[in-house]
Amino acid sequence: MPELPEVETVRRGLEKLILGKKISSIEVHYPKMIKTDLGEFRKEVPGQVIESIGRRGKYLLFYLTDKVLISHLRMEGKYFYYPDQIPERKHAHVFIRFEDGGTLVYEDVRKFGTMELLTPELLKSYFISKKLGPEPTKKDFDLLTFEKALKKSKKPIKTHLLDQTLVVGLGNIYVDEVLWRAKVHPAKSSQLITGKEARAIHEQTISVLEQAVDKGGSTIRTYTNAFGEDGTMQDFHQVYDKAGQACSRCGSIIEKIQLGGRGTHFCPRCQRRS
């Protein structure tokens, strides 16, 4: 957490709150979070205007006057906007202050989140170096390319979907949901996925993530959007965090295993391995 739907929800919220604002100053209370030169970061950000806010996979992109601020929320990152007074926040690490008196605050309990400042022309090569797959849309996520990539890997399908090279945006929660809907066992080798299964995974990846964006993401523990509101996608989960409960499709008991170090939920009847 957060995965693509949560990041997209945050992006849309921030777009309503800070677009067009000019940055007057920036305070960094946890320097390790900044992955570019800290001195340059502190010098270059003030004076910039937030012209648009984008997203690539799970990365937030703040398009400034002549720079791009790349923010990865990792496990617990959150943004909050305060139009005037800022309350005492224990886990606030970056304060972006605007000329109109408002402040965008980045909070992160685990301090895993990162920020980087690039010139726009370096953005393409930056993401090429990350080896990110396509966005999970009908336009970008090509089925044939997906099937060919599966045949080249012996990784368990869940592990492969999590590594962001096949398609971006899937994390632990939504991979479990996609594979349940596609009726594919999470430990099945990628190269053994049939054409029918690949098409189902492809279709359900697009469908699940679209639904999750529509529902404002999933609030499992601490996730909230830019307005401090919970998402509701968790109300529509069919398998994630439901170990010991009956499968809504067949009535079998949902199981949980460890796969690649991740808790993994599946239905033993609907998602047979062989």
Protein backbone atom coordinates (compact mmCIF):
# COMPACT_ATOMS: atom_id res chain seq x y z
CA MET A 1 0.00 0.00 0.00
CA PRO A 2 -0.61 2.33 -1.67
CA GLU A 3 -1.01 0.72 -5.10
CA LEU A 4 -1.98 2.37 -8.38
CA PRO A 5 -5.63 3.11 -7.48
CA GLU A 6 -4.60 4.81 -4.25
CA VAL A 7 -1.88 6.86 -5.96
CA GLU A 8 -4.28 7.88 -8.72
CA THR A 9 -6.86 8.89 -6.11
CA VAL A 10 -4.25 11.01 -4.32
CA ARG A 11 -3.24 12.57 -7.66
CA ARG A 12 -6.81 13.57 -8.46
CA GLY A 13 -7.27 15.06 -5.01
CA LEU A 14 -4.06 17.07 -5.16
CA GLU A 15 -5.04 18.33 -8.59
CA LYS A 16 -8.09 19.96 -7.00
CA LEU A 17 -6.10 21.42 -4.12
CA ILE A 18 -2.74 22.75 -5.32
CA LEU A 19 -2.76 23.14 -9.10
CA GLY A 20 -1.39 26.51 -10.18
CA LYS A 21 0.08 27.36 -6.80
CA LYS A 22 3.56 28.89 -6.56
CA ILE A 23 6.01 27.40 -4.07
CA SER A 24 7.58 29.91 -1.71
CA SER A 25 9.76 27.56 0.37
CA ILE A 26 10.38 23.91 1.21
CA GLU A 27 11.42 22.27 4.47
CA VAL A 28 12.90 18.78 4.59
CA HIS A 29 13.03 17.20 8.05
CA TYR A 30 14.21 13.77 6.88
CA PRO A 31 16.99 14.27 4.31
CA LYS A 32 17.32 10.55 3.41
CA MET A 33 13.95 10.82 1.70
CA ILE A 34 15.43 13.08 -1.00
CA LYS A 35 17.25 11.00 -3.61
CA THR A 36 18.74 13.88 -5.58
CA ASP A 37 21.25 16.39 -4.23
CA LEU A 38 19.61 17.89 -1.14
CA GLY A 39 21.16 21.33 -1.58
CA GLU A 40 19.98 21.52 -5.17
CA PHE A 41 16.54 20.26 -4.15
CA ARG A 42 16.15 22.99 -1.54
CA LYS A 43 17.41 25.62 -3.96
CA GLU A 44 15.47 24.64 -7.09
CA VAL A 45 11.98 23.92 -5.73
CA PRO A 46 11.11 27.39 -4.33
CA GLY A 47 9.78 29.69 -7.04
CA GLN A 48 8.34 26.83 -9.08
CA VAL A 49 4.63 26.69 -10.00
CA ILE A 50 2.73 23.39 -9.90
CA GLU A 51 1.48 23.30 -13.47
CA SER A 52 0.08 19.76 -13.55
CA ILE A 53 0.17 16.48 -11.61
CA GLY A 54 0.66 13.15 -13.34
CA ARG A 55 1.26 9.52 -12.48
CA ARG A 56 3.38 6.69 -13.89
CA GLY A 57 2.60 3.39 -12.20
CA LYS A 58 2.82 4.07 -8.48
CA TYR A 59 4.88 7.27 -8.95
CA LEU A 60 3.34 10.72 -8.50
CA LEU A 61 4.70 13.35 -10.90
CA PHE A 62 4.53 17.04 -9.97
CA TYR A 63 5.18 18.98 -13.18
CA LEU A 64 6.69 22.28 -12.10
CA THR A 65 7.68 25.35 -14.13
CA ASP A 66 10.88 23.74 -15.45
CA LYS A 67 11.35 20.66 -13.26
CA VAL A 68 9.52 17.43 -12.41
CA LEU A 69 9.24 16.31 -8.79
CA ILE A 70 8.89 12.51 -8.63
CA SER A 71 7.31 11.17 -5.46
CA HIS A 72 6.97 7.51 -4.51
CA LEU A 73 4.73 6.92 -1.49
CA ARG A 74 6.02 3.39 -0.78
CA MET A 75 4.18 1.77 2.13
CA GLU A 76 2.75 4.61 4.23
CA GLY A 77 3.29 7.89 2.42
CA LYS A 78 0.49 10.48 2.48
CA TYR A 79 -0.04 14.07 1.38
CA PHE A 80 -2.18 16.57 3.28
CA TYR A 81 -2.94 20.13 2.27
CA TYR A 82 -3.52 22.83 4.88
CA PRO A 83 -4.80 26.22 3.63
CA ASP A 84 -3.55 28.05 6.73
CA GLN A 85 -2.55 26.64 10.14
CA ILE A 86 -0.73 23.30 10.26
CA PRO A 87 -1.58 20.98 13.17
CA GLU A 88 1.17 19.16 15.06
CA ARG A 89 2.02 16.06 13.02
CA LYS A 90 4.44 13.48 14.40
CA HIS A 91 5.35 11.89 11.09
CA ALA A 92 5.50 14.99 8.86
CA HIS A 93 8.80 15.08 6.95
CA VAL A 94 8.45 17.51 4.02
CA PHE A 95 6.65 20.86 4.02
CA ILE A 96 5.98 22.57 0.69
CA ARG A 97 4.78 26.11 1.40
CA PHE A 98 2.93 28.21 -1.16
CA GLU A 99 2.81 31.95 -1.68
CA ASP A 100 -0.90 32.04 -0.83
CA GLY A 101 -0.17 30.76 2.70
CA GLY A 102 -1.15 27.12 2.16
CA THR A 103 1.16 24.17 2.84
CA LEU A 104 1.42 20.68 1.34
CA VAL A 105 2.73 18.26 3.97
CA TYR A 106 4.20 14.85 3.23
CA GLU A 107 3.82 12.32 6.04
CA ASP A 108 5.34 8.86 6.24
CA VAL A 109 5.31 6.68 9.35
CA ARG A 110 7.94 4.27 8.00
CA LYS A 111 9.99 6.90 6.15
CA PHE A 112 10.25 4.66 3.06
CA GLY A 113 8.90 7.27 0.62
CA THR A 114 11.22 9.05 -1.80
CA MET A 115 11.38 12.32 -3.74
CA GLU A 116 13.57 13.20 -6.70
CA LEU A 117 13.89 16.34 -8.81
CA LEU A 118 14.58 15.99 -12.54
CA THR A 119 14.51 18.11 -15.66
CA PRO A 120 11.63 17.04 -17.95
CA GLU A 121 13.93 15.70 -20.67
CA LEU A 122 15.34 13.09 -18.24
CA LEU A 123 11.94 11.70 -17.30
CA LYS A 124 11.72 9.13 -20.11
CA SER A 125 15.16 7.65 -19.43
CA TYR A 126 14.38 7.64 -15.68
CA PHE A 127 11.43 5.31 -16.16
CA ILE A 128 13.25 3.20 -18.75
CA SER A 129 15.88 2.56 -16.06
CA LYS A 130 13.10 1.37 -13.73
CA LYS A 131 12.02 -1.20 -16.38
CA LEU A 132 8.37 -0.36 -15.84
CA GLY A 133 5.74 -2.15 -17.87
CA PRO A 134 2.77 -0.47 -19.55
CA GLU A 135 -0.11 1.25 -17.78
CA PRO A 136 -3.06 -1.09 -17.12
CA THR A 137 -5.32 0.34 -19.80
CA LYS A 138 -6.81 -1.15 -22.98
CA LYS A 139 -4.73 1.30 -24.98
CA ASP A 140 -1.35 0.58 -23.39
CA PHE A 141 -1.56 -2.98 -22.02
CA ASP A 142 -1.11 -5.18 -25.10
CA LEU A 143 -2.29 -8.78 -24.68
CA LEU A 144 0.11 -10.34 -27.19
CA THR A 145 3.14 -8.65 -25.61
CA PHE A 146 1.90 -9.77 -22.19
CA GLU A 147 1.57 -13.40 -23.33
CA LYS A 148 5.05 -13.41 -24.86
CA ALA A 149 6.60 -12.04 -21.65
CA LEU A 150 4.89 -14.72 -19.57
CA LYS A 151 6.39 -17.50 -21.70
CA LYS A 152 9.91 -16.23 -20.99
CA SER A 153 9.68 -16.51 -17.20
CA LYS A 154 9.53 -19.28 -14.63
CA LYS A 155 8.50 -16.88 -11.87
CA PRO A 156 5.25 -17.62 -10.04
CA ILE A 157 2.58 -15.52 -11.74
CA LYS A 158 1.93 -13.49 -8.59
CA THR A 159 5.60 -12.63 -8.13
CA HIS A 160 5.85 -11.72 -11.81
CA LEU A 161 2.85 -9.39 -11.66
CA LEU A 162 4.27 -7.70 -8.58
CA ASP A 163 7.61 -6.81 -10.16
CA GLN A 164 6.02 -4.08 -12.37
CA THR A 165 7.64 -5.28 -15.61
CA LEU A 166 4.55 -6.95 -17.11
CA VAL A 167 2.20 -4.12 -16.17
CA VAL A 168 2.48 -1.33 -13.61
CA GLY A 169 0.39 -0.62 -10.56
CA LEU A 170 -0.40 -4.02 -9.10
CA GLY A 171 0.58 -4.61 -5.47
CA ASN A 172 -0.18 -7.39 -3.05
CA ILE A 173 -3.87 -6.61 -2.61
CA TYR A 174 -4.88 -6.25 -6.23
CA VAL A 175 -2.79 -9.16 -7.53
CA ASP A 176 -4.72 -11.45 -5.19
CA GLU A 177 -8.00 -9.97 -6.43
CA VAL A 178 -7.01 -10.21 -10.11
CA LEU A 179 -5.89 -13.84 -9.86
CA TRP A 180 -9.04 -14.84 -7.97
CA ARG A 181 -11.23 -13.29 -10.64
CA ALA A 182 -9.12 -14.89 -13.38
CA LYS A 183 -9.24 -18.30 -11.57
CA VAL A 184 -5.45 -18.69 -11.65
CA HIS A 185 -3.36 -20.09 -8.78
CA PRO A 186 -0.86 -17.45 -7.57
CA ALA A 187 2.04 -19.93 -7.45
CA LYS A 188 1.59 -21.19 -11.02
CA SER A 189 4.68 -20.63 -13.17
CA SER A 190 4.31 -17.75 -15.63
CA GLN A 191 5.46 -19.88 -18.56
CA LEU A 192 2.71 -22.43 -17.83
CA ILE A 193 -0.09 -19.85 -17.97
CA THR A 194 -2.43 -20.81 -20.81
CA GLY A 195 -3.68 -18.42 -23.44
CA LYS A 196 -7.12 -18.45 -21.84
CA GLU A 197 -5.63 -17.68 -18.41
CA ALA A 198 -3.43 -14.90 -19.82
CA ARG A 199 -6.46 -13.26 -21.41
CA ALA A 200 -8.37 -13.52 -18.14
CA ILE A 201 -5.49 -12.00 -16.13
CA HIS A 202 -5.13 -9.23 -18.71
CA GLU A 203 -8.85 -8.43 -18.65
CA GLN A 204 -9.17 -8.59 -14.86
CA THR A 205 -6.08 -6.44 -14.27
CA ILE A 206 -7.71 -3.62 -16.23
CA SER A 207 -11.12 -4.24 -14.64
CA VAL A 208 -9.99 -4.50 -11.01
CA LEU A 209 -7.79 -1.42 -11.14
CA GLU A 210 -10.48 0.60 -12.92
CA GLN A 211 -12.99 -0.39 -10.23
CA ALA A 212 -10.53 0.41 -7.45
CA VAL A 213 -9.88 3.88 -8.86
CA ASP A 214 -13.64 4.42 -9.10
CA LYS A 215 -14.01 3.43 -5.43
CA GLY A 216 -11.20 5.73 -4.29
CA GLY A 217 -8.77 2.91 -3.49
CA SER A 218 -8.69 0.46 -0.57
CA THR A 219 -8.33 1.52 3.05
CA ILE A 220 -6.93 -1.51 4.88
CA ARG A 221 -4.95 0.16 7.65
CA THR A 222 -3.98 3.80 7.27
CA TYR A 223 -4.53 4.89 3.67
CA THR A 224 -6.53 8.08 3.09
CA ASN A 225 -6.82 10.35 0.08
CA ALA A 226 -5.63 13.96 -0.12
CA PHE A 227 -8.79 15.07 1.71
CA GLY A 228 -8.21 12.62 4.58
CA GLU A 229 -11.04 10.34 3.36
CA ASP A 230 -10.99 6.53 3.29
CA GLY A 231 -11.37 4.54 0.08
CA THR A 232 -14.17 1.95 -0.26
CA MET A 233 -12.68 -0.70 -2.56
CA GLN A 234 -12.04 -2.93 0.47
CA ASP A 235 -15.81 -3.49 0.60
CA PHE A 236 -15.56 -5.20 -2.79
CA HIS A 237 -12.55 -7.46 -2.12
CA GLN A 238 -13.35 -11.09 -2.79
CA VAL A 239 -10.23 -12.81 -1.48
CA TYR A 240 -7.65 -10.45 0.03
CA ASP A 241 -7.56 -10.66 3.84
CA LYS A 242 -10.39 -13.23 3.83
CA ALA A 243 -8.49 -16.34 4.94
CA GLY A 244 -10.85 -18.74 6.73
CA GLN A 245 -13.94 -17.27 5.09
CA ALA A 246 -16.06 -18.93 2.42
CA CYS A 247 -15.29 -18.12 -1.21
CA SER A 248 -18.16 -16.03 -2.57
CA ARG A 249 -18.03 -17.99 -5.83
CA CYS A 250 -17.82 -21.64 -4.76
CA GLY A 251 -18.10 -21.74 -0.96
CA SER A 252 -14.67 -23.27 -0.33
CA ILE A 253 -12.58 -21.78 2.47
CA ILE A 254 -10.12 -19.08 1.38
CA GLU A 255 -6.52 -19.98 2.22
CA LYS A 256 -3.47 -17.84 2.92
CA ILE A 257 0.11 -18.84 2.11
CA GLN A 258 3.46 -17.08 1.92
CA LEU A 259 4.69 -16.61 -1.64
CA GLY A 260 7.88 -14.69 -2.29
CA GLY A 261 7.65 -13.28 1.22
CA ARG A 262 4.15 -11.91 0.65
CA GLY A 263 0.94 -13.04 2.30
CA THR A 264 -1.14 -14.52 -0.52
CA HIS A 265 -4.86 -15.28 -0.51
CA PHE A 266 -6.60 -17.67 -2.89
CA CYS A 267 -9.45 -20.17 -3.23
CA PRO A 268 -8.15 -23.77 -3.45
CA ARG A 269 -11.11 -24.85 -5.58
CA CYS A 270 -11.50 -21.89 -7.93
CA GLN A 271 -7.75 -21.44 -8.37
CA ARG A 272 -6.36 -24.92 -8.81
CA ARG A 273 -2.63 -25.01 -9.47
CA SER A 274 -2.66 -27.75 -12.14
